[in-house]
C-alpha atoms as a PDB file:
ATOM      1  CA  LEU A   1     -15.293   1.933   7.821  1.00  0.00           C
ATOM      2  CA  HIS A   2     -19.062   2.121   7.301  1.00  0.00           C
ATOM      3  CA  ASP A   3     -21.431   0.476   4.878  1.00  0.00           C
ATOM      4  CA  SER A   4     -23.734   2.683   2.812  1.00  0.00           C
ATOM      5  CA  GLN A   5     -26.471   2.379   5.453  1.00  0.00           C
ATOM      6  CA  GLY A   6     -24.255   3.676   8.293  1.00  0.00           C
ATOM      7  CA  THR A   7     -23.391   0.405  10.024  1.00  0.00           C
ATOM      8  CA  MET A   8     -19.856   0.459  11.401  1.00  0.00           C
ATOM      9  CA  LEU A   9     -17.774  -2.350   9.910  1.00  0.00           C
ATOM     10  CA  TYR A  10     -14.372  -1.490  11.366  1.00  0.00           C
ATOM     11  CA  GLU A  11     -13.094   0.925  14.007  1.00  0.00           C
ATOM     12  CA  SER A  12      -9.430   1.753  14.496  1.00  0.00           C
ATOM     13  CA  GLN A  13      -7.669   1.729  17.853  1.00  0.00           C
ATOM     14  CA  SER A  14      -8.301   5.463  18.110  1.00  0.00           C
ATOM     15  CA  THR A  15     -11.848   4.520  19.170  1.00  0.00           C
ATOM     16  CA  GLU A  16     -10.417   3.733  22.587  1.00  0.00           C
ATOM     17  CA  ARG A  17      -8.659   7.112  22.835  1.00  0.00           C
ATOM     18  CA  LEU A  18     -11.500   9.205  21.354  1.00  0.00           C
ATOM     19  CA  TYR A  19     -14.555   7.578  22.933  1.00  0.00           C
ATOM     20  CA  ASP A  20     -13.258   5.155  25.583  1.00  0.00           C
ATOM     21  CA  TYR A  21     -14.951   2.196  23.856  1.00  0.00           C
ATOM     22  CA  GLU A  22     -13.010  -0.980  23.098  1.00  0.00           C
ATOM     23  CA  GLN A  23     -11.819  -1.040  19.488  1.00  0.00           C
ATOM     24  CA  ASN A  24     -14.439  -3.553  18.280  1.00  0.00           C
ATOM     25  CA  GLU A  25     -17.245  -2.523  20.632  1.00  0.00           C
ATOM     26  CA  LEU A  26     -18.940  -0.284  18.042  1.00  0.00           C
ATOM     27  CA  VAL A  27     -18.609  -2.687  15.106  1.00  0.00           C
ATOM     28  CA  SER A  28     -22.048  -3.745  13.800  1.00  0.00           C
ATOM     29  CA  GLU A  29     -23.666  -0.719  15.468  1.00  0.00           C
ATOM     30  CA  HIS A  30     -25.382   1.994  13.462  1.00  0.00           C
ATOM     31  CA  VAL A  31     -23.384   5.208  13.672  1.00  0.00           C
ATOM     32  CA  THR A  32     -26.478   7.331  14.391  1.00  0.00           C
ATOM     33  CA  ARG A  33     -26.893   5.670  17.807  1.00  0.00           C
ATOM     34  CA  TYR A  34     -23.959   7.794  18.978  1.00  0.00           C
ATOM     35  CA  PHE A  35     -25.063  11.207  17.648  1.00  0.00           C
ATOM     36  CA  HIS A  36     -26.304  13.790  20.115  1.00  0.00           C
ATOM     37  CA  PRO A  37     -30.022  14.464  19.444  1.00  0.00           C
ATOM     38  CA  GLU A  38     -29.323  18.133  18.668  1.00  0.00           C
ATOM     39  CA  ASP A  39     -26.751  17.160  16.019  1.00  0.00           C
ATOM     40  CA  TYR A  40     -28.603  14.177  14.581  1.00  0.00           C
ATOM     41  CA  ASP A  41     -30.141  15.796  11.499  1.00  0.00           C
ATOM     42  CA  HIS A  42     -27.064  17.589  10.197  1.00  0.00           C
ATOM     43  CA  ALA A  43     -24.814  14.563  10.852  1.00  0.00           C
ATOM     44  CA  VAL A  44     -27.241  12.256   9.018  1.00  0.00           C
ATOM     45  CA  ASP A  45     -27.471  14.761   6.151  1.00  0.00           C
ATOM     46  CA  ALA A  46     -23.682  14.843   5.801  1.00  0.00           C
ATOM     47  CA  PHE A  47     -23.487  11.034   5.616  1.00  0.00           C
ATOM     48  CA  ALA A  48     -26.365  10.946   3.122  1.00  0.00           C
ATOM     49  CA  THR A  49     -24.456  13.399   0.936  1.00  0.00           C
ATOM     50  CA  ILE A  50     -21.413  11.137   0.953  1.00  0.00           C
ATOM     51  CA  VAL A  51     -23.278   7.990  -0.072  1.00  0.00           C
ATOM     52  CA  SER A  52     -25.517   9.661  -2.649  1.00  0.00           C
ATOM     53  CA  THR A  53     -22.935  11.724  -4.557  1.00  0.00           C
ATOM     54  CA  GLU A  54     -21.434   9.999  -7.582  1.00  0.00           C
ATOM     55  CA  ARG A  55     -18.638  12.450  -8.300  1.00  0.00           C
ATOM     56  CA  HIS A  56     -15.735  12.913  -5.891  1.00  0.00           C
ATOM     57  CA  HIS A  57     -16.974  14.986  -2.976  1.00  0.00           C
ATOM     58  CA  PRO A  58     -15.336  15.267   0.453  1.00  0.00           C
ATOM     59  CA  GLU A  59     -17.708  16.104   3.291  1.00  0.00           C
ATOM     60  CA  ALA A  60     -16.912  17.254   6.830  1.00  0.00           C
ATOM     61  CA  VAL A  61     -19.303  17.546   9.753  1.00  0.00           C
ATOM     62  CA  GLU A  62     -18.924  18.469  13.418  1.00  0.00           C
ATOM     63  CA  TYR A  63     -21.193  16.860  15.989  1.00  0.00           C
ATOM     64  CA  HIS A  64     -21.290  15.538  19.525  1.00  0.00           C
ATOM     65  CA  HIS A  65     -20.472  11.828  19.776  1.00  0.00           C
ATOM     66  CA  ARG A  66     -21.541   9.783  22.797  1.00  0.00           C
ATOM     67  CA  GLN A  67     -18.664   8.521  24.934  1.00  0.00           C
ATOM     68  CA  ALA A  68     -18.623   5.153  26.699  1.00  0.00           C
ATOM     69  CA  ASP A  69     -19.563   6.901  29.976  1.00  0.00           C
ATOM     70  CA  GLY A  70     -22.660   8.496  28.379  1.00  0.00           C
ATOM     71  CA  SER A  71     -21.203  11.995  28.075  1.00  0.00           C
ATOM     72  CA  TYR A  72     -20.681  13.666  24.698  1.00  0.00           C
ATOM     73  CA  THR A  73     -17.608  15.125  23.051  1.00  0.00           C
ATOM     74  CA  TRP A  74     -17.176  17.258  19.934  1.00  0.00           C
ATOM     75  CA  ILE A  75     -15.959  15.263  16.937  1.00  0.00           C
ATOM     76  CA  GLU A  76     -15.265  16.210  13.352  1.00  0.00           C
ATOM     77  CA  SER A  77     -15.811  13.479  10.765  1.00  0.00           C
ATOM     78  CA  VAL A  78     -14.513  13.707   7.229  1.00  0.00           C
ATOM     79  CA  GLY A  79     -15.469  11.296   4.494  1.00  0.00           C
ATOM     80  CA  SER A  80     -15.412  11.035   0.733  1.00  0.00           C
ATOM     81  CA  SER A  81     -18.063   9.978  -1.721  1.00  0.00           C
ATOM     82  CA  ASN A  82     -15.568   7.537  -3.265  1.00  0.00           C
ATOM     83  CA  PRO A  83     -16.427   4.124  -1.822  1.00  0.00           C
ATOM     84  CA  THR A  84     -13.985   1.274  -1.403  1.00  0.00           C
ATOM     85  CA  PRO A  85     -14.116  -1.508  -4.034  1.00  0.00           C
ATOM     86  CA  ALA A  86     -16.536  -3.317  -1.694  1.00  0.00           C
ATOM     87  CA  GLY A  87     -18.846  -0.278  -1.644  1.00  0.00           C
ATOM     88  CA  ASN A  88     -18.040   0.916   1.869  1.00  0.00           C
ATOM     89  CA  TYR A  89     -17.024   4.372   3.093  1.00  0.00           C
ATOM     90  CA  ILE A  90     -14.008   5.453   5.093  1.00  0.00           C
ATOM     91  CA  LEU A  91     -14.638   8.230   7.613  1.00  0.00           C
ATOM     92  CA  SER A  92     -11.895   9.861   9.635  1.00  0.00           C
ATOM     93  CA  ARG A  93     -12.853  11.267  13.016  1.00  0.00           C
ATOM     94  CA  TRP A  94     -10.923  13.415  15.410  1.00  0.00           C
END
């Protein structure tokens, strides 16, 4: 769960399996801190599309995400331009 600025508000337990971070370790962090520099622009563009589109629009993006040990792994994130009632965005990563 992310706010419209990209701050992580909630991370599921899969964070431990995917990235080797503790479940709440990334909460309050900005998601872009974990993008590989080569993938930064297109990952930011995909998130910007989600938060700026008023009609229903799913968006998927592949990028390298930094692991707890500093290495990177390929991740695909999928989100929708439909925010929660509180105005936040749910992104699924795998």
